[in-house]
């Protein structure tokens, strides 16, 4: 689902999750429910590591596009980052998508999401099994592709749960992407924004790196969720970082990634430090009348 100068991956098989040692000058300050790693070797995606028990959240109903004006805790790790803007304070946040949208364990290696501090934004790194099902979209790699959610894709959502304004980013192993800005549940007001997105793909696994500038994020992001989708027809699989708790499932319920009530608390201060404040976005200032309406 956009543009910035970041290093290209060096081709198939390239890994951007190095196993390196670090010695933070100051420990990170994990929030409740997070697991802070001690200094030492980083665990690359797919490797076994100590983690919290996994457990409960949601796939998608049709998105209504507005006219544009221009229950289990998944694995989450916080560790010091050498890439941050605030030395000794910035962290990386790691997530594993270990459950289907309705809370059942996945039957393959879990998809992996990492959030890194970036200069002027956030770097999102993903790693997942490559199913090659459905086949690649017809759109040009590196360009936005509307309807990408019907293909093999990973998605990340950043939400302000007070205004219900949120950023949705979809990343495809074939190189296409889709960035949506939503104001209200499933109400898209801006879409197909540009994205700096690079992919490395092998026969059974793919990895991607996308740079998200602060202008794409709604003000005061407070919640987060991530999803992975693959397969065709009856083999279509919808997976969620924070699934719908099984005790809340209803007969005939379908996956819907816009069930914002199942997103979990999130703060960028975990990445950038306690005193950091999210920069304002010129894009979201366009939505100021709607923000005022939400506040009334």
C-alpha atoms as a PDB file:
ATOM      1  CA  UNK A   1       0.000   0.000   0.000  1.00  0.00           C
ATOM      2  CA  UNK A   2       4.929   4.514  -0.766  1.00  0.00           C
ATOM      3  CA  UNK A   3       8.567   6.776  -1.374  1.00  0.00           C
ATOM      4  CA  UNK A   4      11.890   7.137   0.437  1.00  0.00           C
ATOM      5  CA  UNK A   5      15.511   6.288  -0.123  1.00  0.00           C
ATOM      6  CA  UNK A   6      16.410   3.107   1.662  1.00  0.00           C
ATOM      7  CA  UNK A   7      18.844   0.312   0.844  1.00  0.00           C
ATOM      8  CA  UNK A   8      17.681  -2.311  -1.676  1.00  0.00           C
ATOM      9  CA  UNK A   9      17.749  -5.905  -0.634  1.00  0.00           C
ATOM     10  CA  UNK A  10      20.575  -7.635  -2.438  1.00  0.00           C
ATOM     11  CA  UNK A  11      18.521 -10.269  -4.243  1.00  0.00           C
ATOM     12  CA  UNK A  12      16.861 -13.628  -3.554  1.00  0.00           C
ATOM     13  CA  UNK A  13      17.860 -15.151  -0.286  1.00  0.00           C
ATOM     14  CA  UNK A  14      19.031 -11.866   1.186  1.00  0.00           C
ATOM     15  CA  UNK A  15      18.103 -11.533   4.845  1.00  0.00           C
ATOM     16  CA  UNK A  16      17.647  -8.239   6.575  1.00  0.00           C
ATOM     17  CA  UNK A  17      17.218  -9.666  10.046  1.00  0.00           C
ATOM     18  CA  UNK A  18      20.892 -10.037  11.050  1.00  0.00           C
ATOM     19  CA  UNK A  19      21.917 -11.811  14.209  1.00  0.00           C
ATOM     20  CA  UNK A  20      24.127  -9.274  15.892  1.00  0.00           C
ATOM     21  CA  UNK A  21      25.095  -8.376  19.426  1.00  0.00           C
ATOM     22  CA  UNK A  22      24.194  -5.061  20.993  1.00  0.00           C
ATOM     23  CA  UNK A  23      24.997  -3.249  24.208  1.00  0.00           C
ATOM     24  CA  UNK A  24      22.415  -0.532  24.930  1.00  0.00           C
ATOM     25  CA  UNK A  25      23.591   2.408  26.984  1.00  0.00           C
ATOM     26  CA  UNK A  26      20.145   2.399  28.568  1.00  0.00           C
ATOM     27  CA  UNK A  27      17.553  -0.329  28.805  1.00  0.00           C
ATOM     28  CA  UNK A  28      14.317   0.037  26.878  1.00  0.00           C
ATOM     29  CA  UNK A  29      11.149   0.516  28.846  1.00  0.00           C
ATOM     30  CA  UNK A  30       8.738  -2.240  27.777  1.00  0.00           C
ATOM     31  CA  UNK A  31       5.041  -1.794  28.346  1.00  0.00           C
ATOM     32  CA  UNK A  32       3.022  -4.377  30.287  1.00  0.00           C
ATOM     33  CA  UNK A  33       2.546  -7.515  28.212  1.00  0.00           C
ATOM     34  CA  UNK A  34       5.788  -7.060  26.286  1.00  0.00           C
ATOM     35  CA  UNK A  35       8.839  -9.219  26.639  1.00  0.00           C
ATOM     36  CA  UNK A  36      12.071  -7.245  26.851  1.00  0.00           C
ATOM     37  CA  UNK A  37      15.095  -9.107  25.517  1.00  0.00           C
ATOM     38  CA  UNK A  38      18.412  -8.979  27.288  1.00  0.00           C
ATOM     39  CA  UNK A  39      21.567  -7.940  25.477  1.00  0.00           C
ATOM     40  CA  UNK A  40      22.865 -10.780  23.342  1.00  0.00           C
ATOM     41  CA  UNK A  41      22.184 -12.451  20.029  1.00  0.00           C
ATOM     42  CA  UNK A  42      19.081 -11.455  18.129  1.00  0.00           C
ATOM     43  CA  UNK A  43      16.779 -14.315  17.177  1.00  0.00           C
ATOM     44  CA  UNK A  44      16.066 -14.287  13.434  1.00  0.00           C
ATOM     45  CA  UNK A  45      12.574 -15.046  12.139  1.00  0.00           C
ATOM     46  CA  UNK A  46      11.761 -18.726  12.188  1.00  0.00           C
ATOM     47  CA  UNK A  47      14.227 -19.575  14.966  1.00  0.00           C
ATOM     48  CA  UNK A  48      12.927 -20.820  18.271  1.00  0.00           C
ATOM     49  CA  UNK A  49      13.156 -18.391  21.144  1.00  0.00           C
ATOM     50  CA  UNK A  50      11.666 -18.018  24.609  1.00  0.00           C
ATOM     51  CA  UNK A  51       8.248 -16.470  24.272  1.00  0.00           C
ATOM     52  CA  UNK A  52       4.982 -15.912  25.989  1.00  0.00           C
ATOM     53  CA  UNK A  53       2.101 -18.336  25.422  1.00  0.00           C
ATOM     54  CA  UNK A  54       0.208 -17.505  22.259  1.00  0.00           C
ATOM     55  CA  UNK A  55      -3.505 -17.005  22.104  1.00  0.00           C
ATOM     56  CA  UNK A  56      -6.486 -14.496  20.923  1.00  0.00           C
ATOM     57  CA  UNK A  57      -8.849 -11.297  16.636  1.00  0.00           C
ATOM     58  CA  UNK A  58     -10.137 -10.867  12.831  1.00  0.00           C
ATOM     59  CA  UNK A  59     -10.714 -10.986   7.559  1.00  0.00           C
ATOM     60  CA  UNK A  60     -12.296  -8.493   5.531  1.00  0.00           C
ATOM     61  CA  UNK A  61     -15.676  -7.159   4.501  1.00  0.00           C
ATOM     62  CA  UNK A  62     -15.914  -5.001   1.381  1.00  0.00           C
ATOM     63  CA  UNK A  63     -14.360  -1.590   1.947  1.00  0.00           C
ATOM     64  CA  UNK A  64     -16.579   1.427   1.348  1.00  0.00           C
ATOM     65  CA  UNK A  65     -14.564   4.122  -0.448  1.00  0.00           C
ATOM     66  CA  UNK A  66     -15.401   7.752   0.235  1.00  0.00           C
ATOM     67  CA  UNK A  67     -14.712  10.514  -2.247  1.00  0.00           C
ATOM     68  CA  UNK A  68     -11.137  11.689  -1.750  1.00  0.00           C
ATOM     69  CA  UNK A  69     -10.483  15.315  -0.987  1.00  0.00           C
ATOM     70  CA  UNK A  70      -6.958  15.588  -3.026  1.00  0.00           C
ATOM     71  CA  UNK A  71      -7.302 -14.443  22.641  1.00  0.00           C
ATOM     72  CA  UNK A  72      -4.099 -15.174  23.283  1.00  0.00           C
ATOM     73  CA  UNK A  73      -1.130 -12.887  23.304  1.00  0.00           C
ATOM     74  CA  UNK A  74       1.020 -13.367  20.187  1.00  0.00           C
ATOM     75  CA  UNK A  75       4.767 -13.224  20.431  1.00  0.00           C
ATOM     76  CA  UNK A  76       5.939  -9.653  20.836  1.00  0.00           C
ATOM     77  CA  UNK A  77       9.546  -8.778  21.554  1.00  0.00           C
ATOM     78  CA  UNK A  78      11.110  -5.419  22.265  1.00  0.00           C
ATOM     79  CA  UNK A  79      14.836  -5.000  21.905  1.00  0.00           C
ATOM     80  CA  UNK A  80      17.297  -2.125  21.666  1.00  0.00           C
ATOM     81  CA  UNK A  81      17.887  -0.894  18.134  1.00  0.00           C
ATOM     82  CA  UNK A  82      21.041   0.467  16.575  1.00  0.00           C
ATOM     83  CA  UNK A  83      18.963   2.290  13.973  1.00  0.00           C
ATOM     84  CA  UNK A  84      17.017   4.648  16.201  1.00  0.00           C
ATOM     85  CA  UNK A  85      17.119   8.397  16.298  1.00  0.00           C
ATOM     86  CA  UNK A  86      17.513   8.427  20.075  1.00  0.00           C
ATOM     87  CA  UNK A  87      20.627   6.426  20.997  1.00  0.00           C
ATOM     88  CA  UNK A  88      20.099   4.156  23.966  1.00  0.00           C
ATOM     89  CA  UNK A  89      16.339   4.707  23.970  1.00  0.00           C
ATOM     90  CA  UNK A  90      14.967   3.455  20.658  1.00  0.00           C
ATOM     91  CA  UNK A  91      13.831  -0.140  20.240  1.00  0.00           C
ATOM     92  CA  UNK A  92      12.614  -2.599  17.666  1.00  0.00           C
ATOM     93  CA  UNK A  93       9.261  -4.324  18.062  1.00  0.00           C
ATOM     94  CA  UNK A  94       8.815  -7.882  16.786  1.00  0.00           C
ATOM     95  CA  UNK A  95       5.479  -9.637  16.253  1.00  0.00           C
ATOM     96  CA  UNK A  96       4.584 -13.164  15.139  1.00  0.00           C
ATOM     97  CA  UNK A  97       1.224 -13.939  13.557  1.00  0.00           C
ATOM     98  CA  UNK A  98       0.582 -17.345  15.087  1.00  0.00           C
ATOM     99  CA  UNK A  99      -3.208 -17.657  14.845  1.00  0.00           C
ATOM    100  CA  UNK A 100      -5.991 -17.601  12.300  1.00  0.00           C
ATOM    101  CA  UNK A 101      -8.473 -14.739  12.464  1.00  0.00           C
ATOM    102  CA  UNK A 102     -10.683 -16.846  14.757  1.00  0.00           C
ATOM    103  CA  UNK A 103      -7.978 -17.907  17.192  1.00  0.00           C
ATOM    104  CA  UNK A 104      -6.748 -21.291  15.938  1.00  0.00           C
ATOM    105  CA  UNK A 105      -2.983 -21.932  15.677  1.00  0.00           C
ATOM    106  CA  UNK A 106      -1.547 -21.660  12.160  1.00  0.00           C
ATOM    107  CA  UNK A 107      -0.173 -24.886  10.658  1.00  0.00           C
ATOM    108  CA  UNK A 108       2.964 -23.407   9.144  1.00  0.00           C
ATOM    109  CA  UNK A 109       5.844 -21.144  10.109  1.00  0.00           C
ATOM    110  CA  UNK A 110       4.261 -17.939  11.422  1.00  0.00           C
ATOM    111  CA  UNK A 111       4.494 -14.691   9.492  1.00  0.00           C
ATOM    112  CA  UNK A 112       6.729 -12.119  11.174  1.00  0.00           C
ATOM    113  CA  UNK A 113       6.511  -8.323  11.453  1.00  0.00           C
ATOM    114  CA  UNK A 114       9.212  -6.009  12.751  1.00  0.00           C
ATOM    115  CA  UNK A 115       8.848  -2.265  13.364  1.00  0.00           C
ATOM    116  CA  UNK A 116      12.051  -0.231  13.289  1.00  0.00           C
ATOM    117  CA  UNK A 117      12.625   3.453  13.992  1.00  0.00           C
ATOM    118  CA  UNK A 118      13.415   5.315  10.780  1.00  0.00           C
ATOM    119  CA  UNK A 119      14.490   8.797   9.851  1.00  0.00           C
ATOM    120  CA  UNK A 120      11.231  10.661   9.341  1.00  0.00           C
ATOM    121  CA  UNK A 121       9.047   7.596   9.749  1.00  0.00           C
ATOM    122  CA  UNK A 122       8.881   3.890  10.538  1.00  0.00           C
ATOM    123  CA  UNK A 123      10.428   0.930   8.747  1.00  0.00           C
ATOM    124  CA  UNK A 124       8.166  -2.118   8.513  1.00  0.00           C
ATOM    125  CA  UNK A 125       9.913  -5.424   7.825  1.00  0.00           C
ATOM    126  CA  UNK A 126       7.959  -8.589   7.085  1.00  0.00           C
ATOM    127  CA  UNK A 127       8.946 -12.226   6.661  1.00  0.00           C
ATOM    128  CA  UNK A 128       6.508 -15.016   5.776  1.00  0.00           C
ATOM    129  CA  UNK A 129       6.154 -18.374   4.053  1.00  0.00           C
ATOM    130  CA  UNK A 130       5.663 -17.980   0.291  1.00  0.00           C
ATOM    131  CA  UNK A 131       2.643 -19.951  -0.896  1.00  0.00           C
ATOM    132  CA  UNK A 132       2.393 -18.439  -4.411  1.00  0.00           C
ATOM    133  CA  UNK A 133      -1.363 -18.824  -4.098  1.00  0.00           C
ATOM    134  CA  UNK A 134      -3.198 -17.009  -5.556  1.00  0.00           C
ATOM    135  CA  UNK A 135      -0.927 -16.258  -8.539  1.00  0.00           C
ATOM    136  CA  UNK A 136       0.685 -12.827  -8.766  1.00  0.00           C
ATOM    137  CA  UNK A 137      -1.524  -9.776  -9.349  1.00  0.00           C
ATOM    138  CA  UNK A 138      -1.426  -8.338 -12.860  1.00  0.00           C
ATOM    139  CA  UNK A 139      -0.187  -4.979 -11.581  1.00  0.00           C
ATOM    140  CA  UNK A 140       3.382  -3.768 -11.976  1.00  0.00           C
ATOM    141  CA  UNK A 141       5.691  -4.683  -9.069  1.00  0.00           C
ATOM    142  CA  UNK A 142       6.616  -1.661  -6.977  1.00  0.00           C
ATOM    143  CA  UNK A 143       3.329   0.104  -7.761  1.00  0.00           C
ATOM    144  CA  UNK A 144       0.030   0.413  -5.873  1.00  0.00           C
ATOM    145  CA  UNK A 145      -2.559  -2.223  -6.737  1.00  0.00           C
ATOM    146  CA  UNK A 146      -6.176  -1.744  -5.716  1.00  0.00           C
ATOM    147  CA  UNK A 147      -7.829  -4.924  -4.498  1.00  0.00           C
ATOM    148  CA  UNK A 148      -4.551  -6.378  -3.278  1.00  0.00           C
ATOM    149  CA  UNK A 149      -6.392  -7.930  -0.320  1.00  0.00           C
ATOM    150  CA  UNK A 150      -7.701 -10.609  -2.728  1.00  0.00           C
ATOM    151  CA  UNK A 151      -4.158 -11.953  -3.218  1.00  0.00           C
ATOM    152  CA  UNK A 152      -1.339 -13.267  -1.037  1.00  0.00           C
ATOM    153  CA  UNK A 153      -0.562 -10.342   1.223  1.00  0.00           C
ATOM    154  CA  UNK A 154       0.547  -9.139   4.637  1.00  0.00           C
ATOM    155  CA  UNK A 155      -1.160  -6.159   6.234  1.00  0.00           C
ATOM    156  CA  UNK A 156      -0.422  -3.809   9.118  1.00  0.00           C
ATOM    157  CA  UNK A 157      -2.904  -1.383  10.690  1.00  0.00           C
ATOM    158  CA  UNK A 158      -2.162   1.664  12.865  1.00  0.00           C
ATOM    159  CA  UNK A 159      -5.249   3.051  14.621  1.00  0.00           C
ATOM    160  CA  UNK A 160      -6.335   6.032  16.685  1.00  0.00           C
ATOM    161  CA  UNK A 161      -9.132   4.298  18.581  1.00  0.00           C
ATOM    162  CA  UNK A 162     -10.764   7.559  19.680  1.00  0.00           C
ATOM    163  CA  UNK A 163     -11.344   9.006  16.199  1.00  0.00           C
ATOM    164  CA  UNK A 164     -11.292   5.635  14.379  1.00  0.00           C
ATOM    165  CA  UNK A 165      -8.789   7.074  11.953  1.00  0.00           C
ATOM    166  CA  UNK A 166      -6.284   4.521  10.760  1.00  0.00           C
ATOM    167  CA  UNK A 167      -3.550   3.630   8.316  1.00  0.00           C
ATOM    168  CA  UNK A 168      -3.719   0.318   6.450  1.00  0.00           C
ATOM    169  CA  UNK A 169      -0.637  -0.955   4.615  1.00  0.00           C
ATOM    170  CA  UNK A 170      -0.796  -4.048   2.381  1.00  0.00           C
ATOM    171  CA  UNK A 171       2.399  -5.736   1.154  1.00  0.00           C
ATOM    172  CA  UNK A 172       2.529  -8.469  -1.494  1.00  0.00           C
ATOM    173  CA  UNK A 173       5.385 -10.954  -2.076  1.00  0.00           C
ATOM    174  CA  UNK A 174       5.232 -10.113  -5.794  1.00  0.00           C
ATOM    175  CA  UNK A 175       6.122  -6.476  -5.118  1.00  0.00           C
ATOM    176  CA  UNK A 176       2.760  -4.720  -5.327  1.00  0.00           C
ATOM    177  CA  UNK A 177       1.487  -2.682  -2.399  1.00  0.00           C
ATOM    178  CA  UNK A 178      -1.508  -0.697  -1.244  1.00  0.00           C
ATOM    179  CA  UNK A 179      -1.695   2.142   1.282  1.00  0.00           C
ATOM    180  CA  UNK A 180      -5.103   3.258   2.533  1.00  0.00           C
ATOM    181  CA  UNK A 181      -6.037   6.094   4.895  1.00  0.00           C
ATOM    182  CA  UNK A 182      -9.368   5.484   6.593  1.00  0.00           C
ATOM    183  CA  UNK A 183     -11.517   7.854   8.616  1.00  0.00           C
ATOM    184  CA  UNK A 184     -14.138   5.732  10.316  1.00  0.00           C
ATOM    185  CA  UNK A 185     -14.482   1.974  10.039  1.00  0.00           C
ATOM    186  CA  UNK A 186     -13.924   0.826   6.420  1.00  0.00           C
ATOM    187  CA  UNK A 187     -14.289   4.423   5.154  1.00  0.00           C
ATOM    188  CA  UNK A 188     -11.370   5.040   2.792  1.00  0.00           C
ATOM    189  CA  UNK A 189     -10.671   8.705   2.059  1.00  0.00           C
ATOM    190  CA  UNK A 190      -7.243   8.345   0.460  1.00  0.00           C
ATOM    191  CA  UNK A 191      -5.709   5.349  -1.293  1.00  0.00           C
ATOM    192  CA  UNK A 192      -2.902   4.080  -3.535  1.00  0.00           C
ATOM    193  CA  UNK A 193      -0.287   6.327  -1.951  1.00  0.00           C
ATOM    194  CA  UNK A 194       3.296   5.825  -3.061  1.00  0.00           C
ATOM    195  CA  UNK A 195       5.467   3.490  -1.004  1.00  0.00           C
ATOM    196  CA  UNK A 196       9.145   2.626  -0.800  1.00  0.00           C
ATOM    197  CA  UNK A 197       8.818  -1.180  -0.779  1.00  0.00           C
ATOM    198  CA  UNK A 198      11.443  -3.793  -1.627  1.00  0.00           C
ATOM    199  CA  UNK A 199      10.945  -7.565  -1.768  1.00  0.00           C
ATOM    200  CA  UNK A 200      13.270 -10.565  -1.608  1.00  0.00           C
ATOM    201  CA  UNK A 201      11.557 -13.832  -2.556  1.00  0.00           C
ATOM    202  CA  UNK A 202      12.667 -17.457  -2.598  1.00  0.00           C
ATOM    203  CA  UNK A 203      10.825 -20.673  -3.387  1.00  0.00           C
ATOM    204  CA  UNK A 204       9.299 -21.088   0.060  1.00  0.00           C
ATOM    205  CA  UNK A 205       9.767 -17.749   1.845  1.00  0.00           C
ATOM    206  CA  UNK A 206       9.566 -14.044   1.135  1.00  0.00           C
ATOM    207  CA  UNK A 207      10.714 -10.926   2.930  1.00  0.00           C
ATOM    208  CA  UNK A 208       9.821  -7.289   2.426  1.00  0.00           C
ATOM    209  CA  UNK A 209      10.788  -3.883   3.712  1.00  0.00           C
ATOM    210  CA  UNK A 210       8.563  -0.806   3.515  1.00  0.00           C
ATOM    211  CA  UNK A 211       9.229   2.730   4.709  1.00  0.00           C
ATOM    212  CA  UNK A 212       6.231   4.633   6.108  1.00  0.00           C
ATOM    213  CA  UNK A 213       6.632   8.419   6.496  1.00  0.00           C
ATOM    214  CA  UNK A 214       4.962  10.132   9.434  1.00  0.00           C
ATOM    215  CA  UNK A 215       2.585  11.917   7.066  1.00  0.00           C
ATOM    216  CA  UNK A 216       0.748   8.622   6.520  1.00  0.00           C
ATOM    217  CA  UNK A 217       0.006   7.978  10.188  1.00  0.00           C
ATOM    218  CA  UNK A 218      -3.144   9.378  11.805  1.00  0.00           C
ATOM    219  CA  UNK A 219      -2.543  11.578  14.854  1.00  0.00           C
ATOM    220  CA  UNK A 220      -1.960   9.794  18.157  1.00  0.00           C
ATOM    221  CA  UNK A 221      -1.755   6.152  17.102  1.00  0.00           C
ATOM    222  CA  UNK A 222      -2.969   4.071  20.064  1.00  0.00           C
ATOM    223  CA  UNK A 223      -3.620   0.570  18.694  1.00  0.00           C
ATOM    224  CA  UNK A 224      -2.134  -1.909  16.231  1.00  0.00           C
ATOM    225  CA  UNK A 225      -2.889  -5.142  14.427  1.00  0.00           C
ATOM    226  CA  UNK A 226      -1.316  -7.194  11.652  1.00  0.00           C
ATOM    227  CA  UNK A 227      -2.632  -9.865   9.302  1.00  0.00           C
ATOM    228  CA  UNK A 228      -1.499 -12.412   6.728  1.00  0.00           C
ATOM    229  CA  UNK A 229      -3.628 -13.820   3.892  1.00  0.00           C
ATOM    230  CA  UNK A 230      -2.948 -16.565   1.357  1.00  0.00           C
ATOM    231  CA  UNK A 231      -4.674 -19.383  -0.512  1.00  0.00           C
ATOM    232  CA  UNK A 232      -7.566 -19.601  -2.969  1.00  0.00           C
ATOM    233  CA  UNK A 233     -11.239 -20.520  -2.680  1.00  0.00           C
ATOM    234  CA  UNK A 234     -11.857 -23.029   0.130  1.00  0.00           C
ATOM    235  CA  UNK A 235      -8.140 -22.976   0.986  1.00  0.00           C
ATOM    236  CA  UNK A 236      -8.169 -19.234   1.622  1.00  0.00           C
ATOM    237  CA  UNK A 237      -6.497 -18.573   4.990  1.00  0.00           C
ATOM    238  CA  UNK A 238      -6.877 -15.411   7.089  1.00  0.00           C
ATOM    239  CA  UNK A 239      -4.434 -14.971   9.963  1.00  0.00           C
ATOM    240  CA  UNK A 240      -4.317 -12.292  12.645  1.00  0.00           C
ATOM    241  CA  UNK A 241      -1.843 -11.050  15.202  1.00  0.00           C
ATOM    242  CA  UNK A 242      -4.773 -10.234  17.496  1.00  0.00           C
ATOM    243  CA  UNK A 243      -7.624 -12.562  16.502  1.00  0.00           C
ATOM    244  CA  UNK A 244     -11.249 -12.541  17.535  1.00  0.00           C
ATOM    245  CA  UNK A 245     -11.435 -14.307  20.928  1.00  0.00           C
ATOM    246  CA  UNK A 246     -13.041 -17.690  20.382  1.00  0.00           C
ATOM    247  CA  UNK A 247     -15.606 -17.133  23.117  1.00  0.00           C
ATOM    248  CA  UNK A 248     -16.880 -14.101  21.155  1.00  0.00           C
ATOM    249  CA  UNK A 249     -17.275 -15.911  17.824  1.00  0.00           C
ATOM    250  CA  UNK A 250     -20.809 -16.178  16.473  1.00  0.00           C
ATOM    251  CA  UNK A 251     -22.237 -18.780  14.139  1.00  0.00           C
ATOM    252  CA  UNK A 252     -21.573 -17.911  10.503  1.00  0.00           C
ATOM    253  CA  UNK A 253     -19.162 -15.109  11.388  1.00  0.00           C
ATOM    254  CA  UNK A 254     -16.761 -14.196   8.575  1.00  0.00           C
ATOM    255  CA  UNK A 255     -13.248 -12.798   8.886  1.00  0.00           C
ATOM    256  CA  UNK A 256     -13.182  -9.002   8.979  1.00  0.00           C
ATOM    257  CA  UNK A 257      -9.908  -7.134   9.460  1.00  0.00           C
ATOM    258  CA  UNK A 258     -11.779  -3.924  10.272  1.00  0.00           C
ATOM    259  CA  UNK A 259     -13.048  -5.151  13.635  1.00  0.00           C
ATOM    260  CA  UNK A 260     -11.141  -2.372  15.349  1.00  0.00           C
ATOM    261  CA  UNK A 261     -12.316  -3.398  18.807  1.00  0.00           C
ATOM    262  CA  UNK A 262      -9.904  -6.351  18.707  1.00  0.00           C
ATOM    263  CA  UNK A 263      -6.813  -4.258  18.021  1.00  0.00           C
ATOM    264  CA  UNK A 264      -4.423  -4.062  20.970  1.00  0.00           C
ATOM    265  CA  UNK A 265      -2.802  -1.044  22.693  1.00  0.00           C
ATOM    266  CA  UNK A 266       0.287   0.300  20.981  1.00  0.00           C
ATOM    267  CA  UNK A 267       2.583   3.297  21.392  1.00  0.00           C
ATOM    268  CA  UNK A 268       5.438   4.591  19.269  1.00  0.00           C
ATOM    269  CA  UNK A 269       7.168   5.620  22.485  1.00  0.00           C
ATOM    270  CA  UNK A 270       8.284   2.008  22.744  1.00  0.00           C
ATOM    271  CA  UNK A 271      10.313   2.608  19.573  1.00  0.00           C
ATOM    272  CA  UNK A 272      11.439   6.186  20.051  1.00  0.00           C
ATOM    273  CA  UNK A 273      11.635   6.768  23.793  1.00  0.00           C
ATOM    274  CA  UNK A 274       9.425   8.040  26.579  1.00  0.00           C
ATOM    275  CA  UNK A 275       9.697  11.753  25.753  1.00  0.00           C
ATOM    276  CA  UNK A 276       9.158  11.375  21.998  1.00  0.00           C
ATOM    277  CA  UNK A 277       6.037  12.884  20.389  1.00  0.00           C
ATOM    278  CA  UNK A 278       4.508  11.794  17.091  1.00  0.00           C
ATOM    279  CA  UNK A 279       5.044  14.421  14.345  1.00  0.00           C
ATOM    280  CA  UNK A 280       1.978  16.047  12.819  1.00  0.00           C
ATOM    281  CA  UNK A 281       0.815  14.958   9.378  1.00  0.00           C
ATOM    282  CA  UNK A 282      -0.108  17.402   6.626  1.00  0.00           C
ATOM    283  CA  UNK A 283      -2.197  14.680   4.974  1.00  0.00           C
ATOM    284  CA  UNK A 284      -4.338  14.108   8.034  1.00  0.00           C
ATOM    285  CA  UNK A 285      -4.829  17.846   8.579  1.00  0.00           C
ATOM    286  CA  UNK A 286      -7.048  17.638   5.488  1.00  0.00           C
ATOM    287  CA  UNK A 287      -9.377  15.549   7.643  1.00  0.00           C
ATOM    288  CA  UNK A 288      -9.545  18.169  10.395  1.00  0.00           C
ATOM    289  CA  UNK A 289     -13.317  18.802   9.979  1.00  0.00           C
ATOM    290  CA  UNK A 290     -13.968  15.062  10.437  1.00  0.00           C
ATOM    291  CA  UNK A 291     -11.706  14.972  13.480  1.00  0.00           C
ATOM    292  CA  UNK A 292     -13.752  17.784  15.000  1.00  0.00           C
ATOM    293  CA  UNK A 293     -16.941  15.873  14.220  1.00  0.00           C
ATOM    294  CA  UNK A 294     -15.600  12.812  16.010  1.00  0.00           C
ATOM    295  CA  UNK A 295     -14.762  14.937  19.040  1.00  0.00           C
ATOM    296  CA  UNK A 296     -18.288  16.321  19.344  1.00  0.00           C
END
